Amino acid sequence: MTTDEFVARSHILHRSFSERPAKIVAGDGISLVLESGKKVIDASCGPSVSCLGHSQPEITEAITNHLKNDIAYVYSGSPYTNGATEELADILLSEKPGGLSKAIFVNSGSEATDAALKLAVQYWHERGQPQRTHFIARKQSYHGNTIGALCVSGHESRREFYKDFMSSNVTFVDPCYAYRMKGDDESDEEFAQRLGRQFEDEILRIGPDRVAGFVAETVSGTTLGCLPAVPGYFRAIRDICDRYGVLLILDEIICGMGKTGTMHAWEQEGIRGPDIQTIGKALGAGFVPLSGVLLHQKIFDALSAGSGGLAHGHTFQAHPLACAAAVAAQRIIKRDNLIERTAQMGHKLEALLRKEIGPMALVGDIRGRGLFWAVEFVLDKSLKTAFSPKANFCNQVVKHCLDSGLNILGNLGHTGEYQVDHVLVCPPYTVTESELEEIVSLLMAAIVKTSEPFVKAECTNGVSKVQSDVKVAEIGNMS
């Protein structure tokens, strides 16, 4: 692979070496403005971060006012607090959703995952059960890129270089990936029960008195593509966790804070809520780095009755400026009813995707909630035949979208047993109906262009017949 000349000269170690990155000079609503003057619709909010778009004068004003009138930095390990941090926690937890009553604010989603894992371990120490250090997570999941977060992430290619660092006290069960894993004659209820039995069997195999927690994304993000669980799955998981005293840790770093049409994605699962929850990305809408951990009152009570403090901490934990920006973002979301609007616009986006994208020859599945949607591509709809990773199909779609002025996100490497070629469409909460129509139109054109080397349509008696240009021996007859 040839290294791009600009990347070689730059003092930034860019994440990709082969292509010169386009320089962004400004944001305009939901669009990015490039140095060339070209505007690109950001239909993925980066990795689903910039939920209010890229220009919010109120948040800019809140940041500058805070720097002018308040304290820039307060160390969370000192005997001090600050107004912005306290206010943000009040906004999120004043009504104690699902019994969640306390917050830890850190910088990245990975840090939030690490903090959640350490909090769970400390909880069991405080409860007099220090042997509970084992975590169960799900295959093809992603919870962050620090070593601790990677230990509970089932993302194979991101773990590959660091296998020697991966913890031995984490095991994995299957994800709730109905599109590929549910039997032809299996109902959603039966599928959920089967996965529940697998989870319970793993608890029993490890020993219930050794399992600290179960870690899962409420709606899977970049590894499986905006994948909600089938109805009843999380009710089964919650019941099993309660039966054996296992903490339910839900990762809503990418799917939470309104993105699925409710403040918390778990509110749509018919459960009382998690014991520990991670949040991020949309929390501060991308204007400053911020993530968080929300914990149930019972977690706080155990720490309070035990050591009387949190063993975990960071230098920039609960940074006042980041919290001030998030307060402004959350005020806008509440004032403008943007979560309700996300649910409404989500129905429109779903309808557009299913109508315009769903019938396309190489589109296998469309899934998501709210303004958090994915399109999965396959070589053969009836067989659900996956593309070879070498085809790089979804990232070619991303490239063709970018050429036409649309920014979306493809899958991020080989994640596990199932090759999942997908793109994410998760525009800002402020997106308009006409912008949704443009996004879907540009996406459709990019899929058509990417599909050309793989299929050709022959119209016979008004019926489109798809024939593959790849070897029949490799994928079977697609006609």
Protein backbone atom coordinates (compact mmCIF):
# COMPACT_ATOMS: atom_id res chain seq x y z
CA MET A 1 0.00 0.00 0.00
CA THR A 2 1.35 3.42 -0.97
CA THR A 3 1.51 6.10 1.71
CA ASP A 4 -0.05 9.41 0.68
CA GLU A 5 2.48 12.25 0.38
CA PHE A 6 0.53 14.62 2.62
CA VAL A 7 0.09 11.95 5.30
CA ALA A 8 3.83 11.26 5.17
CA ARG A 9 4.63 14.98 5.64
CA SER A 10 2.04 15.69 8.31
CA HIS A 11 3.13 15.63 11.94
CA ILE A 12 -0.25 14.07 12.76
CA LEU A 13 -0.26 10.28 12.75
CA HIS A 14 -3.41 9.93 10.68
CA ARG A 15 -5.49 6.78 11.10
CA SER A 16 -5.29 5.95 7.41
CA PHE A 17 -2.01 6.29 5.52
CA SER A 18 -3.15 5.65 1.96
CA GLU A 19 -5.36 8.65 1.25
CA ARG A 20 -5.03 12.38 1.77
CA PRO A 21 -7.77 13.59 4.13
CA ALA A 22 -9.88 16.51 2.92
CA LYS A 23 -9.55 19.56 5.16
CA ILE A 24 -12.72 20.77 6.88
CA VAL A 25 -12.76 24.52 7.47
CA ALA A 26 -16.27 25.05 8.86
CA GLY A 27 -19.64 23.58 9.66
CA ASP A 28 -22.94 24.77 8.26
CA GLY A 29 -26.01 23.18 9.85
CA ILE A 30 -25.76 19.46 9.18
CA SER A 31 -23.08 19.97 6.53
CA LEU A 32 -19.29 20.07 6.55
CA VAL A 33 -17.55 22.82 4.56
CA LEU A 34 -14.31 21.73 2.90
CA GLU A 35 -11.29 23.86 2.06
CA SER A 36 -12.29 23.61 -1.61
CA GLY A 37 -15.64 25.21 -0.78
CA LYS A 38 -17.54 21.98 -1.31
CA LYS A 39 -20.31 21.16 1.17
CA VAL A 40 -20.78 17.60 2.39
CA ILE A 41 -23.96 16.49 4.16
CA ASP A 42 -22.88 14.74 7.35
CA ALA A 43 -25.46 11.95 7.45
CA SER A 44 -23.57 9.94 10.06
CA CYS A 45 -22.61 12.75 12.49
CA GLY A 46 -19.05 11.43 12.31
CA PRO A 47 -19.42 8.18 14.26
CA SER A 48 -22.91 9.27 15.37
CA VAL A 49 -21.69 12.18 17.52
CA SER A 50 -22.76 15.59 16.16
CA CYS A 51 -26.47 15.16 16.90
CA LEU A 52 -27.16 18.93 16.74
CA GLY A 53 -25.23 19.53 13.56
CA HIS A 54 -22.01 21.51 13.24
CA SER A 55 -23.07 25.06 14.04
CA GLN A 56 -24.86 25.87 17.27
CA PRO A 57 -24.29 29.49 18.38
CA GLU A 58 -25.91 28.82 21.77
CA ILE A 59 -23.35 26.17 22.60
CA THR A 60 -20.50 28.40 21.40
CA GLU A 61 -21.85 31.15 23.65
CA ALA A 62 -22.19 28.79 26.60
CA ILE A 63 -18.57 27.70 26.20
CA THR A 64 -17.21 31.25 25.95
CA ASN A 65 -19.39 32.48 28.82
CA HIS A 66 -18.17 29.66 31.00
CA LEU A 67 -14.55 30.53 30.27
CA LYS A 68 -15.23 34.20 30.98
CA ASN A 69 -17.31 33.82 34.10
CA ASP A 70 -16.55 30.45 35.66
CA ILE A 71 -13.68 28.15 36.48
CA ALA A 72 -11.87 26.47 33.57
CA TYR A 73 -10.67 23.40 35.46
CA VAL A 74 -11.50 21.65 38.71
CA TYR A 75 -9.76 18.44 39.76
CA SER A 76 -12.34 15.81 40.66
CA GLY A 77 -10.00 14.37 43.29
CA SER A 78 -9.94 17.66 45.18
CA PRO A 79 -12.46 18.75 47.86
CA TYR A 80 -14.27 20.94 45.28
CA THR A 81 -17.11 20.73 42.81
CA ASN A 82 -18.47 23.16 40.23
CA GLY A 83 -21.83 24.33 38.95
CA ALA A 84 -21.67 22.98 35.40
CA THR A 85 -20.90 19.42 36.48
CA GLU A 86 -23.62 19.40 39.12
CA GLU A 87 -26.14 20.90 36.70
CA LEU A 88 -25.47 18.34 33.99
CA ALA A 89 -25.93 15.48 36.44
CA ASP A 90 -29.19 17.07 37.65
CA ILE A 91 -30.48 17.33 34.08
CA LEU A 92 -29.80 13.67 33.44
CA LEU A 93 -30.77 12.15 36.76
CA SER A 94 -33.23 14.40 38.62
CA GLU A 95 -36.06 11.97 37.80
CA LYS A 96 -33.89 8.89 38.53
CA PRO A 97 -34.70 6.97 35.32
CA GLY A 98 -34.75 3.27 36.09
CA GLY A 99 -33.25 4.00 39.51
CA LEU A 100 -30.11 5.57 38.04
CA SER A 101 -29.11 8.30 40.45
CA LYS A 102 -25.39 9.14 40.16
CA ALA A 103 -23.06 10.06 37.31
CA ILE A 104 -19.36 9.90 36.55
CA PHE A 105 -18.25 12.17 33.69
CA VAL A 106 -15.12 11.33 31.70
CA ASN A 107 -13.84 12.15 28.21
CA SER A 108 -14.25 9.25 25.80
CA GLY A 109 -16.57 6.29 25.47
CA SER A 110 -13.61 3.98 26.07
CA GLU A 111 -12.92 5.71 29.38
CA ALA A 112 -16.58 5.34 30.30
CA THR A 113 -16.41 1.59 29.68
CA ASP A 114 -13.27 1.25 31.78
CA ALA A 115 -14.90 3.25 34.57
CA ALA A 116 -18.02 1.08 34.42
CA LEU A 117 -16.01 -2.15 34.66
CA LYS A 118 -13.97 -0.87 37.59
CA LEU A 119 -17.11 0.40 39.29
CA ALA A 120 -18.69 -3.06 38.99
CA VAL A 121 -15.62 -4.72 40.50
CA GLN A 122 -15.51 -2.19 43.34
CA TYR A 123 -19.22 -2.77 43.99
CA TRP A 124 -18.67 -6.47 44.56
CA HIS A 125 -15.68 -5.80 46.80
CA GLU A 126 -17.83 -3.46 48.87
CA ARG A 127 -20.51 -6.18 49.02
CA GLY A 128 -17.99 -8.67 50.40
CA GLN A 129 -17.77 -10.73 47.19
CA PRO A 130 -14.32 -9.86 45.80
CA GLN A 131 -14.25 -13.09 43.75
CA ARG A 132 -16.83 -11.60 41.36
CA THR A 133 -14.42 -10.37 38.69
CA HIS A 134 -15.67 -12.20 35.60
CA PHE A 135 -17.55 -10.37 32.85
CA ILE A 136 -19.70 -11.83 30.10
CA ALA A 137 -19.96 -9.80 26.89
CA ARG A 138 -21.19 -10.46 23.36
CA LYS A 139 -19.38 -11.47 20.19
CA GLN A 140 -19.01 -8.83 17.46
CA SER A 141 -19.53 -6.03 19.96
CA TYR A 142 -17.58 -2.85 20.48
CA HIS A 143 -17.24 -0.95 23.74
CA GLY A 144 -14.11 1.11 23.19
CA ASN A 145 -10.45 1.05 22.18
CA THR A 146 -8.56 1.23 25.47
CA ILE A 147 -7.20 -2.09 26.73
CA GLY A 148 -9.94 -2.44 29.35
CA ALA A 149 -12.71 -1.65 26.89
CA LEU A 150 -11.22 -3.96 24.24
CA CYS A 151 -11.22 -6.80 26.76
CA VAL A 152 -15.03 -6.78 26.76
CA SER A 153 -15.33 -5.96 23.04
CA GLY A 154 -15.94 -8.81 20.63
CA HIS A 155 -14.37 -6.92 17.72
CA GLU A 156 -11.78 -9.36 16.39
CA SER A 157 -9.63 -7.11 14.20
CA ARG A 158 -9.37 -4.39 16.84
CA ARG A 159 -8.29 -6.96 19.43
CA GLU A 160 -5.83 -8.69 17.08
CA PHE A 161 -2.61 -6.78 17.89
CA TYR A 162 -3.31 -6.81 21.61
CA LYS A 163 -4.23 -10.45 22.26
CA ASP A 164 -1.51 -10.77 24.89
CA PHE A 165 -3.17 -7.96 26.87
CA MET A 166 -6.70 -9.33 26.71
CA SER A 167 -8.14 -10.36 30.06
CA SER A 168 -8.78 -14.02 30.82
CA ASN A 169 -11.80 -13.13 32.97
CA VAL A 170 -14.03 -12.19 30.04
CA THR A 171 -16.06 -14.64 27.95
CA PHE A 172 -18.46 -14.05 25.08
CA VAL A 173 -21.93 -15.20 24.09
CA ASP A 174 -23.81 -14.65 20.83
CA PRO A 175 -25.26 -11.26 19.90
CA CYS A 176 -28.96 -10.87 19.17
CA TYR A 177 -28.40 -10.82 15.39
CA ALA A 178 -31.74 -12.09 14.13
CA TYR A 179 -31.04 -11.42 10.44
CA ARG A 180 -28.37 -14.11 10.30
CA MET A 181 -28.77 -16.13 13.50
CA LYS A 182 -32.50 -16.72 13.92
CA GLY A 183 -33.76 -20.03 12.53
CA ASP A 184 -36.20 -20.03 9.62
CA ASP A 185 -38.94 -21.56 11.76
CA GLU A 186 -37.91 -19.81 14.97
CA SER A 187 -40.06 -17.00 16.39
CA ASP A 188 -38.58 -13.87 17.97
CA GLU A 189 -39.66 -15.20 21.35
CA GLU A 190 -37.96 -18.55 20.78
CA PHE A 191 -34.81 -16.84 19.52
CA ALA A 192 -34.70 -14.57 22.60
CA GLN A 193 -35.22 -17.57 24.88
CA ARG A 194 -32.44 -19.51 23.14
CA LEU A 195 -29.98 -16.63 23.62
CA GLY A 196 -31.15 -16.26 27.21
CA ARG A 197 -30.44 -19.94 27.88
CA GLN A 198 -26.98 -19.56 26.35
CA PHE A 199 -26.28 -16.60 28.65
CA GLU A 200 -27.57 -18.47 31.70
CA ASP A 201 -25.53 -21.55 30.80
CA GLU A 202 -22.42 -19.38 30.64
CA ILE A 203 -23.15 -17.95 34.10
CA LEU A 204 -23.52 -21.46 35.45
CA ARG A 205 -20.35 -22.64 33.69
CA ILE A 206 -18.29 -19.81 35.18
CA GLY A 207 -20.07 -19.98 38.54
CA PRO A 208 -22.72 -17.43 39.53
CA ASP A 209 -20.65 -16.30 42.50
CA ARG A 210 -17.81 -15.30 40.15
CA VAL A 211 -19.71 -13.26 37.55
CA ALA A 212 -19.60 -9.50 38.09
CA GLY A 213 -21.61 -8.27 35.14
CA PHE A 214 -22.99 -8.67 31.64
CA VAL A 215 -21.97 -5.99 29.13
CA ALA A 216 -24.10 -5.29 26.05
CA GLU A 217 -24.96 -2.51 23.62
CA THR A 218 -28.70 -1.86 23.87
CA VAL A 219 -28.69 -1.22 20.11
CA SER A 220 -25.49 -2.45 18.49
CA GLY A 221 -23.49 0.24 16.72
CA THR A 222 -20.68 0.03 14.19
CA THR A 223 -19.94 -3.72 14.40
CA LEU A 224 -23.42 -5.05 13.56
CA GLY A 225 -24.99 -1.90 12.16
CA CYS A 226 -27.69 -0.24 14.30
CA LEU A 227 -29.00 -3.62 15.38
CA PRO A 228 -31.89 -3.65 17.89
CA ALA A 229 -32.60 -6.82 19.84
CA VAL A 230 -35.72 -8.82 19.10
CA PRO A 231 -38.65 -8.12 21.47
CA GLY A 232 -38.22 -9.89 24.78
CA TYR A 233 -34.46 -10.37 24.57
CA PHE A 234 -33.51 -7.76 27.15
CA ARG A 235 -36.39 -8.79 29.42
CA ALA A 236 -34.92 -12.29 29.45
CA ILE A 237 -31.40 -10.91 30.07
CA ARG A 238 -32.62 -8.64 32.88
CA ASP A 239 -34.45 -11.54 34.57
CA ILE A 240 -31.41 -13.80 34.39
CA CYS A 241 -29.13 -11.08 35.77
CA ASP A 242 -31.53 -10.58 38.69
CA ARG A 243 -31.74 -14.34 39.30
CA TYR A 244 -28.00 -14.65 39.78
CA GLY A 245 -27.16 -11.19 41.09
CA VAL A 246 -25.21 -10.26 37.94
CA LEU A 247 -24.96 -6.53 37.18
CA LEU A 248 -26.52 -5.51 33.86
CA ILE A 249 -24.18 -2.97 32.21
CA LEU A 250 -25.72 -1.38 29.12
CA ASP A 251 -23.52 0.47 26.66
CA GLU A 252 -25.46 3.39 25.16
CA ILE A 253 -22.41 5.41 24.17
CA ILE A 254 -23.48 5.43 20.52
CA CYS A 255 -27.20 4.60 20.67
CA GLY A 256 -28.33 6.62 23.70
CA MET A 257 -29.20 10.20 24.61
CA GLY A 258 -32.23 10.38 22.33
CA LYS A 259 -30.85 8.79 19.18
CA THR A 260 -33.38 5.96 19.04
CA GLY A 261 -36.39 8.17 19.84
CA THR A 262 -36.23 7.94 23.64
CA MET A 263 -33.63 9.42 25.96
CA HIS A 264 -32.38 5.93 26.80
CA ALA A 265 -32.60 3.10 24.29
CA TRP A 266 -33.45 0.63 27.07
CA GLU A 267 -36.73 2.47 27.68
CA GLN A 268 -38.08 0.66 24.61
CA GLU A 269 -37.15 -2.78 25.93
CA GLY A 270 -39.74 -3.15 28.69
CA ILE A 271 -37.17 -3.43 31.48
CA ARG A 272 -36.67 -1.47 34.66
CA GLY A 273 -33.28 -0.31 33.42
CA PRO A 274 -29.63 -1.29 33.85
CA ASP A 275 -27.52 -1.30 36.99
CA ILE A 276 -24.79 0.64 35.21
CA GLN A 277 -25.07 2.53 31.92
CA THR A 278 -22.46 4.21 29.74
CA ILE A 279 -23.31 7.28 27.65
CA GLY A 280 -21.33 9.56 25.36
CA LYS A 281 -21.18 10.90 21.80
CA ALA A 282 -24.56 12.72 21.69
CA LEU A 283 -24.21 13.73 25.36
CA GLY A 284 -22.17 16.80 24.43
CA ALA A 285 -23.14 16.74 20.73
CA GLY A 286 -19.47 16.67 19.77
CA PHE A 287 -18.62 20.23 20.74
CA VAL A 288 -16.23 19.00 23.42
CA PRO A 289 -15.12 15.48 24.41
CA LEU A 290 -17.47 14.03 27.02
CA SER A 291 -18.88 10.69 28.09
CA GLY A 292 -20.36 9.34 31.26
CA VAL A 293 -21.33 6.45 33.49
CA LEU A 294 -24.74 6.40 35.16
CA LEU A 295 -25.20 4.12 38.14
CA HIS A 296 -28.13 2.76 40.08
CA GLN A 297 -28.76 3.93 43.62
CA LYS A 298 -27.89 0.44 44.91
CA ILE A 299 -24.35 0.82 43.55
CA PHE A 300 -23.90 4.11 45.38
CA ASP A 301 -25.40 2.66 48.57
CA ALA A 302 -22.87 -0.20 48.54
CA LEU A 303 -19.92 2.16 48.10
CA SER A 304 -21.31 4.53 50.70
CA ALA A 305 -21.72 1.75 53.26
CA GLY A 306 -18.27 0.38 52.44
CA SER A 307 -15.16 2.38 51.62
CA GLY A 308 -17.08 5.64 51.29
CA GLY A 309 -15.58 6.71 47.97
CA LEU A 310 -14.90 5.94 44.33
CA ALA A 311 -11.63 4.10 43.76
CA HIS A 312 -11.46 5.17 40.11
CA GLY A 313 -10.57 8.62 38.77
CA HIS A 314 -9.00 10.70 36.00
CA THR A 315 -7.24 14.08 35.86
CA PHE A 316 -9.85 15.48 33.48
CA GLN A 317 -12.83 13.72 35.00
CA ALA A 318 -15.95 15.94 35.21
CA HIS A 319 -14.25 18.75 33.31
CA PRO A 320 -16.30 21.94 33.92
CA LEU A 321 -16.04 23.28 30.36
CA ALA A 322 -17.13 19.98 28.80
CA CYS A 323 -20.06 19.77 31.21
CA ALA A 324 -21.07 23.39 30.45
CA ALA A 325 -21.18 22.60 26.73
CA ALA A 326 -23.25 19.47 27.41
CA VAL A 327 -25.67 21.45 29.60
CA ALA A 328 -26.27 23.80 26.66
CA ALA A 329 -26.73 20.86 24.28
CA GLN A 330 -29.18 19.10 26.56
CA ARG A 331 -31.15 22.31 27.09
CA ILE A 332 -31.55 22.72 23.32
CA ILE A 333 -32.66 19.11 22.96
CA LYS A 334 -35.26 19.48 25.70
CA ARG A 335 -36.50 22.95 24.71
CA ASP A 336 -36.94 22.04 21.05
CA ASN A 337 -38.46 18.60 21.77
CA LEU A 338 -35.73 17.04 19.66
CA ILE A 339 -36.06 13.54 21.09
CA GLU A 340 -39.73 13.44 20.11
CA ARG A 341 -38.75 14.93 16.75
CA THR A 342 -36.09 12.25 16.35
CA ALA A 343 -38.77 9.57 16.75
CA GLN A 344 -40.99 11.28 14.17
CA MET A 345 -38.22 11.93 11.65
CA GLY A 346 -36.98 8.41 12.26
CA HIS A 347 -40.25 7.02 10.93
CA LYS A 348 -39.80 9.13 7.79
CA LEU A 349 -36.20 7.97 7.36
CA GLU A 350 -37.24 4.34 7.83
CA ALA A 351 -40.00 4.70 5.23
CA LEU A 352 -37.59 6.27 2.72
CA LEU A 353 -34.95 3.60 3.27
CA ARG A 354 -37.42 0.75 2.95
CA LYS A 355 -39.05 2.22 -0.14
CA GLU A 356 -36.00 3.43 -2.05
CA ILE A 357 -33.11 1.32 -0.76
CA GLY A 358 -34.79 -1.89 0.40
CA PRO A 359 -35.71 -3.26 -3.06
CA MET A 360 -32.18 -2.83 -4.42
CA ALA A 361 -30.49 -6.01 -5.61
CA LEU A 362 -27.62 -6.12 -3.11
CA VAL A 363 -29.46 -4.80 -0.05
CA GLY A 364 -30.16 -7.56 2.45
CA ASP A 365 -31.47 -5.82 5.55
CA ILE A 366 -32.49 -2.39 6.80
CA ARG A 367 -32.63 -1.93 10.57
CA GLY A 368 -32.53 0.66 13.31
CA ARG A 369 -34.61 2.98 15.44
CA GLY A 370 -35.14 6.73 15.60
CA LEU A 371 -32.43 8.44 13.58
CA PHE A 372 -30.05 5.49 13.95
CA TRP A 373 -30.26 3.24 10.88
CA ALA A 374 -28.09 0.85 8.89
CA VAL A 375 -28.24 -0.84 5.50
CA GLU A 376 -26.61 -4.27 5.23
CA PHE A 377 -25.41 -5.45 1.81
CA VAL A 378 -25.33 -9.03 0.54
CA LEU A 379 -24.46 -10.77 -2.72
CA ASP A 380 -27.63 -12.86 -2.65
CA LYS A 381 -30.78 -11.79 -0.81
CA SER A 382 -32.30 -15.26 -0.58
CA LEU A 383 -29.12 -16.90 0.71
CA LYS A 384 -27.91 -13.84 2.64
CA THR A 385 -24.51 -14.44 1.07
CA ALA A 386 -21.96 -12.02 2.49
CA PHE A 387 -19.39 -10.20 0.40
CA SER A 388 -15.78 -11.21 0.75
CA PRO A 389 -13.91 -8.70 2.96
CA LYS A 390 -11.62 -8.12 -0.05
CA ALA A 391 -14.57 -6.70 -1.98
CA ASN A 392 -14.68 -3.82 0.49
CA PHE A 393 -18.23 -3.20 -0.73
CA CYS A 394 -19.59 -0.95 2.01
CA ASN A 395 -16.52 1.26 2.03
CA GLN A 396 -16.82 1.66 -1.72
CA VAL A 397 -20.37 2.88 -1.11
CA VAL A 398 -18.97 5.33 1.45
CA LYS A 399 -16.40 6.56 -1.10
CA HIS A 400 -19.00 7.08 -3.85
CA CYS A 401 -21.23 8.91 -1.36
CA LEU A 402 -18.38 11.22 -0.45
CA ASP A 403 -17.71 11.97 -4.11
CA SER A 404 -21.31 13.18 -4.42
CA GLY A 405 -21.28 15.22 -1.20
CA LEU A 406 -22.60 12.78 1.40
CA ASN A 407 -20.75 11.59 4.48
CA ILE A 408 -21.80 8.21 5.92
CA LEU A 409 -20.01 5.52 7.91
CA GLY A 410 -19.15 1.98 6.84
CA ASN A 411 -18.14 -0.96 8.98
CA LEU A 412 -14.83 -0.64 10.80
CA GLY A 413 -12.85 -3.77 10.10
CA HIS A 414 -13.44 -7.50 10.52
CA THR A 415 -15.59 -7.89 13.61
CA GLY A 416 -16.10 -11.63 13.93
CA GLU A 417 -17.77 -14.75 12.58
CA TYR A 418 -20.24 -12.89 10.41
CA GLN A 419 -18.99 -10.57 7.67
CA VAL A 420 -21.31 -7.58 8.00
CA ASP A 421 -21.09 -5.12 5.11
CA HIS A 422 -23.14 -2.15 6.18
CA VAL A 423 -23.37 1.62 6.16
CA LEU A 424 -24.78 3.77 8.93
CA VAL A 425 -27.27 6.56 8.30
CA CYS A 426 -27.74 8.52 11.52
CA PRO A 427 -28.21 12.21 10.73
CA PRO A 428 -28.53 15.00 13.32
CA TYR A 429 -31.74 15.42 15.32
CA THR A 430 -32.25 18.70 13.45
CA VAL A 431 -32.41 17.11 9.98
CA THR A 432 -35.34 18.18 7.80
CA GLU A 433 -37.56 15.96 5.67
CA SER A 434 -36.11 17.38 2.45
CA GLU A 435 -32.59 16.69 3.74
CA LEU A 436 -33.59 13.09 4.49
CA GLU A 437 -34.85 12.74 0.93
CA GLU A 438 -31.56 14.09 -0.42
CA ILE A 439 -29.54 11.79 1.82
CA VAL A 440 -31.43 8.71 0.67
CA SER A 441 -31.24 9.79 -2.98
CA LEU A 442 -27.45 10.24 -2.82
CA LEU A 443 -27.06 6.94 -0.98
CA MET A 444 -29.13 5.13 -3.58
CA ALA A 445 -26.98 6.53 -6.40
CA ALA A 446 -23.81 5.44 -4.61
CA ILE A 447 -25.15 1.91 -4.10
CA VAL A 448 -26.07 1.67 -7.78
CA LYS A 449 -22.58 2.75 -8.81
CA THR A 450 -20.88 0.38 -6.36
CA SER A 451 -23.11 -2.50 -7.47
CA GLU A 452 -22.18 -2.25 -11.17
CA PRO A 453 -19.16 -4.60 -11.05
CA PHE A 454 -21.21 -7.21 -9.16
CA VAL A 455 -24.62 -7.33 -10.76
CA LYS A 456 -26.54 -6.43 -13.85
CA ALA A 457 -30.27 -6.16 -14.08
CA GLU A 458 -32.14 -7.73 -16.96
CA CYS A 459 -35.76 -6.72 -17.17
CA THR A 460 -37.88 -9.66 -18.30
CA ASN A 461 -41.66 -9.27 -18.28
CA GLY A 462 -41.26 -6.37 -15.87
CA VAL A 463 -39.30 -8.47 -13.35
CA SER A 464 -35.70 -7.58 -12.56
CA LYS A 465 -33.41 -10.60 -12.72
CA VAL A 466 -30.10 -10.25 -10.88
CA GLN A 467 -27.05 -12.05 -12.18
CA SER A 468 -23.72 -12.02 -10.41
CA ASP A 469 -20.51 -11.20 -12.23
CA VAL A 470 -18.51 -13.09 -9.61
CA LYS A 471 -17.75 -16.77 -9.93
CA VAL A 472 -20.75 -19.08 -9.63
CA ALA A 473 -18.57 -21.52 -7.73
CA GLU A 474 -17.99 -18.93 -5.03
CA ILE A 475 -21.47 -17.59 -4.46
CA GLY A 476 -23.93 -19.78 -6.31
CA ASN A 477 -26.42 -18.82 -8.96
CA MET A 478 -28.00 -15.46 -8.10
CA SER A 479 -30.71 -15.65 -10.78
